[in-house]
Protein backbone atom coordinates (compact mmCIF):
# COMPACT_ATOMS: atom_id res chain seq x y z
CA MET A 1 -30.69 73.19 0.58
CA LYS A 2 -28.94 70.62 2.76
CA SER A 3 -28.61 67.12 1.29
CA ALA A 4 -29.07 63.76 2.98
CA TYR A 5 -28.22 60.27 1.77
CA CYS A 6 -30.46 57.40 0.69
CA THR A 7 -30.37 54.71 3.34
CA HIS A 8 -30.66 52.04 0.61
CA CYS A 9 -28.08 52.98 -2.03
CA GLY A 10 -26.16 55.90 -0.49
CA THR A 11 -27.07 58.38 -3.22
CA PRO A 12 -27.25 62.05 -2.06
CA ILE A 13 -30.86 63.30 -1.93
CA LYS A 14 -32.42 66.60 -0.92
CA ASP A 15 -33.70 67.02 2.61
CA ASP A 16 -37.27 67.47 1.46
CA ALA A 17 -37.20 64.69 -1.16
CA GLU A 18 -39.75 61.95 -0.59
CA PHE A 19 -38.06 59.35 -2.79
CA CYS A 20 -34.51 58.57 -3.93
CA THR A 21 -34.00 59.66 -7.52
CA LYS A 22 -31.70 56.66 -8.17
CA CYS A 23 -33.25 53.56 -6.52
CA GLY A 24 -36.76 54.91 -5.83
CA ALA A 25 -36.72 54.00 -2.13
CA ARG A 26 -38.74 56.19 0.24
CA ALA A 27 -36.47 58.63 2.00
CA GLY A 28 -35.76 57.87 5.64
CA THR A 29 -36.79 54.19 5.54
CA PRO A 30 -34.20 51.76 6.90
CA ALA A 31 -32.42 49.41 4.51
CA PRO A 32 -33.81 45.82 4.46
CA ALA A 33 -31.89 43.16 6.38
CA SER A 34 -31.22 41.29 3.10
CA ALA A 35 -29.43 44.23 1.54
CA SER A 36 -26.03 43.30 0.21
CA VAL A 37 -23.00 44.41 2.17
CA PRO A 38 -20.45 46.23 0.04
CA PRO A 39 -17.18 44.30 -0.38
CA LEU A 40 -14.16 45.24 1.66
CA PRO A 41 -11.59 47.32 -0.14
CA ALA A 42 -8.64 45.39 -1.62
CA ALA A 43 -6.27 46.94 0.90
CA ARG A 44 -8.43 45.62 3.73
CA VAL A 45 -8.44 42.08 2.26
CA LYS A 46 -4.66 42.04 1.98
CA LYS A 47 -4.38 43.12 5.57
CA ILE A 48 -6.59 40.20 6.73
CA MET A 49 -4.47 37.59 4.84
CA SER A 50 -1.22 38.43 6.56
CA PRO A 51 2.08 36.64 5.73
CA ARG A 52 1.81 34.62 8.94
CA THR A 53 -1.73 33.52 8.04
CA LYS A 54 -0.58 32.51 4.58
CA ALA A 55 2.30 30.49 6.05
CA LEU A 56 0.02 28.68 8.50
CA TYR A 57 -2.50 27.96 5.76
CA GLY A 58 0.25 26.58 3.50
CA ALA A 59 1.59 24.38 6.29
CA PHE A 60 -1.89 23.01 6.99
CA VAL A 61 -2.40 22.12 3.33
CA ALA A 62 1.01 20.40 3.24
CA VAL A 63 0.20 18.31 6.32
CA VAL A 64 -3.18 17.26 4.93
CA PHE A 65 -1.54 16.27 1.64
CA ALA A 66 1.17 14.25 3.43
CA VAL A 67 -1.44 12.38 5.49
CA PHE A 68 -3.36 11.62 2.29
CA LEU A 69 -0.24 10.17 0.65
CA TYR A 70 0.54 8.08 3.72
CA LEU A 71 -2.93 6.64 4.15
CA PHE A 72 -4.19 6.33 0.61
CA VAL A 73 -1.12 5.95 -1.60
CA ASP A 74 1.66 4.27 0.35
CA HIS A 75 -0.81 1.81 1.87
CA LEU A 76 -2.74 0.88 -1.23
CA PRO A 77 -2.78 -2.87 -1.88
CA GLY A 78 -0.49 -4.25 -4.54
CA GLY A 79 2.95 -3.33 -5.73
CA ALA A 80 6.24 -5.06 -5.06
CA HIS A 81 6.84 -7.01 -1.86
CA PRO A 82 10.01 -5.64 -0.17
CA VAL A 83 11.58 -9.10 0.24
CA ILE A 84 10.49 -10.56 -3.10
CA GLN A 85 11.58 -7.40 -4.91
CA ASN A 86 15.20 -8.03 -3.87
CA GLN A 87 15.15 -11.74 -4.68
CA PRO A 88 17.27 -13.11 -7.55
CA SER A 89 15.64 -13.75 -10.91
CA ILE A 90 15.94 -17.16 -12.51
CA ALA A 91 17.05 -16.98 -16.14
CA MET A 92 13.93 -18.64 -17.54
CA ALA A 93 10.59 -17.47 -16.17
CA THR A 94 8.00 -20.14 -15.43
CA MET A 95 4.69 -19.72 -17.24
CA TYR A 96 1.91 -21.37 -15.24
CA MET A 97 -1.10 -20.43 -17.38
CA GLY A 98 -4.07 -22.46 -16.06
CA GLN A 99 -2.07 -25.23 -14.45
CA VAL A 100 -2.73 -26.64 -10.99
CA ILE A 101 0.61 -27.52 -9.37
CA GLN A 102 0.84 -29.49 -6.16
CA PRO A 103 3.98 -29.12 -4.02
CA PHE A 104 6.83 -31.57 -4.45
CA PRO A 105 8.37 -32.61 -1.11
CA ILE A 106 12.17 -32.57 -0.82
CA THR A 107 14.77 -32.86 1.89
CA ALA A 108 16.89 -29.72 2.19
CA THR A 109 20.31 -29.83 3.83
CA VAL A 110 22.16 -27.50 6.17
CA ASP A 111 25.46 -26.20 4.84
CA GLY A 112 27.19 -24.10 7.48
CA ASP A 113 24.85 -21.21 8.26
CA GLN A 114 22.54 -21.85 5.28
CA ILE A 115 19.71 -24.19 4.32
CA ILE A 116 20.27 -25.32 0.73
CA PHE A 117 18.53 -27.34 -1.98
CA PRO A 118 19.25 -27.84 -5.71
CA LEU A 119 17.90 -25.12 -8.00
CA SER A 120 17.31 -27.73 -10.72
CA VAL A 121 14.72 -29.49 -8.54
CA LEU A 122 12.77 -26.26 -8.12
CA GLN A 123 12.96 -25.52 -11.85
CA GLU A 124 11.60 -28.97 -12.61
CA HIS A 125 8.77 -29.09 -10.10
CA LYS A 126 7.97 -25.33 -9.85
CA LEU A 127 6.67 -25.61 -6.25
CA ILE A 128 8.56 -27.49 -3.56
CA GLU A 129 8.07 -27.95 0.16
CA PHE A 130 10.60 -28.85 2.83
CA GLU A 131 11.27 -28.22 6.51
CA TYR A 132 13.93 -27.31 9.00
CA ARG A 133 13.98 -29.34 12.20
CA MET A 134 15.17 -27.81 15.44
CA GLU A 135 15.38 -29.54 18.79
CA ASN A 136 11.88 -28.55 19.90
CA ASN A 137 10.34 -27.23 16.72
CA VAL A 138 9.80 -27.94 13.03
CA ILE A 139 9.60 -24.97 10.66
CA PRO A 140 7.85 -25.71 7.33
CA LEU A 141 9.24 -23.96 4.24
CA LEU A 142 8.35 -23.63 0.57
CA ALA A 143 9.85 -22.26 -2.62
CA TYR A 144 8.59 -21.45 -6.10
CA ILE A 145 9.53 -19.43 -9.15
CA ALA A 146 7.03 -16.68 -9.95
CA ALA A 147 5.85 -16.16 -13.51
CA ASP A 148 8.14 -13.14 -13.87
CA GLY A 149 11.14 -15.28 -12.92
CA LYS A 150 11.55 -14.18 -9.31
CA LEU A 151 12.70 -16.81 -6.84
CA VAL A 152 10.35 -16.90 -3.83
CA THR A 153 11.30 -18.72 -0.63
CA SER A 154 9.09 -18.46 2.43
CA ILE A 155 7.69 -19.94 5.60
CA ARG A 156 5.12 -22.55 4.58
CA MET A 157 2.32 -21.50 6.88
CA CYS A 158 -1.09 -19.85 6.65
CA GLU A 159 -1.04 -18.64 10.25
CA PRO A 160 -4.74 -17.90 10.98
CA CYS A 161 -5.89 -21.37 9.89
CA ASN A 162 -2.61 -23.12 10.80
CA SER A 163 -2.26 -24.75 7.38
CA ASP A 164 1.10 -25.77 5.91
CA HIS A 165 -0.13 -27.02 2.54
CA PHE A 166 -0.32 -24.85 -0.57
CA ARG A 167 -0.75 -25.27 -4.29
CA ILE A 168 -0.41 -23.10 -7.38
CA GLU A 169 -3.45 -22.42 -9.56
CA GLY A 170 -2.64 -20.39 -12.63
CA MET A 171 -1.08 -17.17 -11.34
CA GLU A 172 -2.20 -17.66 -7.73
CA LEU A 173 -0.87 -19.36 -4.62
CA CYS A 174 -3.68 -21.07 -2.71
CA CYS A 175 -4.02 -22.39 0.82
CA SER A 176 -5.45 -25.90 0.55
CA LYS A 177 -7.26 -25.59 3.90
CA CYS A 178 -8.99 -22.19 3.95
CA GLU A 179 -8.74 -21.51 0.19
CA SER A 180 -7.26 -18.04 0.70
CA ARG A 181 -5.43 -16.88 -2.43
CA TRP A 182 -2.49 -14.61 -3.17
CA LYS A 183 -0.79 -13.34 -6.32
CA LEU A 184 2.32 -15.36 -7.10
CA ASN A 185 4.47 -12.36 -8.01
CA ASN A 186 4.05 -10.36 -4.78
CA LEU A 187 1.82 -12.42 -2.44
CA GLU A 188 -0.85 -9.72 -2.46
CA GLY A 189 -4.10 -11.06 -1.01
CA ILE A 190 -6.87 -11.84 -3.49
CA GLN A 191 -9.55 -13.59 -1.44
CA GLY A 192 -10.16 -15.58 1.72
CA ASN A 193 -10.21 -15.00 5.47
CA CYS A 194 -6.43 -15.44 5.79
CA GLN A 195 -5.35 -13.30 2.85
CA LYS A 196 -3.63 -10.75 5.13
CA TYR A 197 -1.21 -13.49 6.22
CA PRO A 198 0.40 -15.04 3.13
CA PRO A 199 3.39 -17.36 3.51
CA ASP A 200 6.03 -15.03 4.97
CA PRO A 201 8.87 -14.52 2.42
CA LEU A 202 12.47 -15.15 3.45
CA PRO A 203 15.48 -13.73 1.60
CA SER A 204 17.57 -16.27 -0.30
CA ILE A 205 20.32 -16.41 -2.92
CA VAL A 206 21.43 -18.69 -5.74
CA ARG A 207 25.04 -19.84 -5.50
CA ALA A 208 27.28 -22.67 -6.62
CA ASP A 209 27.78 -25.69 -4.39
CA PRO A 210 31.59 -25.90 -3.94
CA ARG A 211 31.45 -29.70 -3.81
CA SER A 212 29.36 -30.40 -6.91
CA GLY A 213 29.51 -27.09 -8.77
CA ALA A 214 25.72 -27.23 -9.23
CA GLU A 215 23.58 -24.18 -8.45
CA VAL A 216 21.74 -24.29 -5.16
CA VAL A 217 19.19 -22.03 -3.47
CA ALA A 218 20.49 -20.91 -0.07
CA ILE A 219 18.41 -19.50 2.80
CA GLN A 220 20.16 -17.97 5.79
CA LEU A 221 19.65 -20.28 8.72
CA SER A 222 19.32 -17.40 11.19
CA ALA A 223 16.33 -15.99 9.24
CA VAL A 224 14.51 -19.29 9.69
CA LYS A 225 15.45 -19.74 13.36
CA ASN A 226 14.46 -16.17 14.27
CA TRP A 227 11.13 -16.17 12.44
CA LYS A 228 8.12 -15.36 14.65
CA MET A 229 4.44 -15.81 13.95
CA ARG A 230 2.68 -12.58 13.00
CA ILE A 231 -0.54 -13.22 14.93
């Protein structure tokens, strides 16, 4: 007798059989729409994931990962400031603890192509302020020694609120006008409306004054003259 196949499970059944001997389904009834579809053979799967598809998929994953690193790792707040990181370290770090330190005004001098002031004055007062006068402009400057010993020299300006007065409170540099605050070691913003615009660091060196032999902090004059506001 000729055999047919169960439309539900594919088991061979006799032509005159009323029910499938394996799954019990009535012979000749269509399979339900929810019936599971048998998986593709392994050879078929390999053919779908071709080498070119694999390469494109791998490239896509690499691009997504690179974008993630750029947006969420390289641009995370914190870490070393590129200018401060390359600044000289003073032999004895200054520990501020809970002190409030107001700036000590000094008069810096121009020596050739550098603005200089005595290192000993900065070590004594911890935070100093001075300025460079041009024909039509006055550029305010400041300097301090961070708690880890790094020398920090910068433009003395909180640009959004146009303040040129700062103080040190503990381990933070504070704008005395808007009360924005930054970490001393890297000028990372802590709080305040102007925290994205800390005093802009300028590179400087410590060298000996050839006339007195004393150590001085020297800022390149061109860096001060060429400085532009960031907003």
